[in-house]
Amino acid sequence: MTSLRAKLVEQLSRFDEDAFAALANRGLLRRAQKDLEKQAAVIVEESAEILTLAFGDQRIRFDARGPTHASCTCPANGVCQHILAAAISLQRLTGAPPASAESTKNDADPLAQLQAELLRMAAPELMKHAGKAGYRWAWQYVQDLDPEQGLSIAGEKHLVLAFSQPRIGFRYMGGGLDALIADTDISHIEKYRVAAVLAFQRAHGITASPPEEKTRPRNASLDLGKDHAAAEAPAEAQEDSRNRLREGTRQLLCESIELGLSHLSLGIYERYTTLSVWAQGAEYYRLALLLRRIADHVEMLLDRAGGADEHRLFDEISLTYALVSALDEAASSGAVPQHLAGRARSRYEGTKTLELLGLGASAWRSATGYVGLTMLFWSPDEQAFLSCTDARPETQRGFNPIARYRAAGPWSGLGAPQQATGRRVTLNGAQLNAAGRISAAESTSATVVLTDSPGRFAERLKPQTSWSEILRSRSLVRRSLLAEPQPMKNWVILKPERYGPAQFDPARQTLVWPLFDSDGGRLDLELRFDEFTAPAITRIEAMQPEDLKAGTLVLARLRAGVNGLVGEPLSLVRPNASAAENAVDALYFDEPRERGLTAKLFDKLRRSHRPIEPAATQVASMPVIDGVLREFRQWLQHQSERGIADDQTKQVRMESSEWIDRLAGSGFFGFQRMLSEELRNGSMLLQLNYMWMQYERLMTNEINDSD
């Protein structure tokens, strides 16, 4: 056997059916397998560099790079069915069986050689494959990648590297960079291959070589005249602009606190507005958003608007100060993480075929004047929730989010969002962003499968049965106030041991529905009354024990409530429903099941005499903020409102020192590092308040779902 054939045998021994499907697609693979039932490919020419097989009238040529770079005499572009058939025949001719889990047990470490190949790939080779610009993009992409969840590494006979965003995976059976096979079509695949290798190397402790500096652009000599146009200037000019921006922002934030939030002026508002424009031009998109928000809040204070709140403004300024400090630290290291810089707009990336389970939808109205419909899905492959939203400004006539549930779209092949509820939906050409949202682009096509029984549908979900376990798992999620929002992490499927009676609280205008787990722990589901939640509230109030058979699941979105963890129900999943019924009961839209007149009268009488169930101690409760922390917070807010005059500096520092000693005595040692003679008073108060906010986040287990 020649050395070339030996290399091909080694590569093909790692191919399984999924790998061949990724090489082309499952349709071509089925056609190749069908053709192989009639004939097999045979070797007709063999040399040190080329191996040629004949398959019918076609000739297929392989080199050392394997089937990813094989060529065929047929007119098809790329990997055709003949190349697949020849590769499978070569597997059989040489005695190289397809990869399997059973054969893996007999190999000591089948992935060691593949891992070594990827670890040996150096920057020059990677740069040659993707070009300087591609390598620079890949290097920055890996810097922004979550070290723990950004890349998953798996495989038995071959390596499988998968990114979480964009959702693209690579299979590596050997053969070099070109042989990294993507599971979906995506433009500029070379830079993603390089990113996969760099991320794999980082996971094994290898630090990637930084990219070369950008060359000076043609317009370097132009005087743009505006700091916020620095994105068009050379890299060093933009970095200088960013440095001055951060320093100017820090100074204004401190001045606002020292002046006092109750004494802000129109000039302060204008400075915040100018800085927000500057930050946008400097590509600090998250900072620009926060500065715009502060400017709007200052304007509300000046206008004495009802929604203005000095305490909330204090928190926003503290968060912005922390972000500027984090950007300072990142700039000194030479790489600014994407979640700190932010994005100009949400990026949607193409992904492989998605198989989803439709879990219902809800209509909503935002505080910013938008109305919309959000559909929720469960992805069994990714074990994650995904969503799709169609929203419009409230002032736009003709859009009704309730009617949208039964209108066509959003994807071709889907008659309406209602048709996806309780069904298995396959999306082709889907596009997702980092937050788990699916684009409503019409170019995506949907196929709705109606064959799953309610029981089979529910089996593919991942219900939670212990409320204390939910609280524990939430405590493991990153709680940094600067972490990227993860709205999909708030959704959960609950499987209660029993349901308590739902009651409407007229004072809060909120429905409270207690659910109990097997340990007696209580978790309240709450829905605040409005025109969109009214149908769901009516449905839940009317439900009786016989309507909620054992095993009924509840889809809810968790959030921090006044007294503990609470959820907002969206749908019910009924595994015991008949084959003719839908597994998912969309509470916002579905009509209640018909009940007889006698049963309705009896239910009304029973509800009117139903005793109020005492509120049990919630297992899924959150610690109450400690007394000294609460008092310290009040002191901070008082100082931020009135400001700090020059003759009060020593007094404020002395009081701060006393508070920090009291907090340390209660076990809160994080504040001690904030007291420094080098810090101006405004900086000190902002850092102390940010630390207080961070303690609150950790103690209440509140997931960061928005900036």
Foldseek 3Di string as FASTA:
>chain_A
DAPLLVLQLLLLLLADLLNLCLQPHVVLQVVLVVLVVVHAWDWDDDDNAWTWIDDPPKIWIDGSLYLQPIDMPDPDPGRGSVSSRNSVRSCVVVVRDHDDPVVLVVDPALEVVVLVQLLPDAPVNLCVQQPLVLQQVLLQVLVQADLPQQWDWDGRNWIWIAGLVPTKIWTDSDRDLSRTRINDDFPSVSSVSSSSSCSSNVNVPDHHDHGDADDFDPCQVPDPPALLQCVPHGPVSLLVSLVVLLVLLLVLLLVLQQQFVLDDDPVSLVSLQSSLSNLVSSLQPVLSVLSVVLSVLSVCSVVVPPPRDLLVSLLSSLVSNVLSVLQVVCVVVPHDHCLSSDDPDFDWGWHAKFKWQWFAKFWDADPVQKTKIKTWIAGLVVRFIAIEMDMDGNPDPPDDRQVQQQPQFLEAQGRGVVLRHLWIKIKHRWIATSLRYIYSDHVIHIHTDLPDFLQNSVVSHDADQDLLVVLVVLLPPDLAPSDHARQRVQKHKYQAPDWDAWDADVVQQKIWTWGAHPVRAIAIEIDHDDPQCVQLSVQRNLDDRVNQDHRKMWIWGWFADPWFIYTHTAWIAASPDDRVDRRIGGSRHDDDDDDDPVVVVVSVVCVVPPDDDDDDDHSRGFDDPDPLLVVVSVVLSVSSRNRHDPVCQVVVLVVLVVSQVVCVVVVNNPLPVLRDPVDGPSSSSSNNVSSSVSVVSSRRSGGRNDD
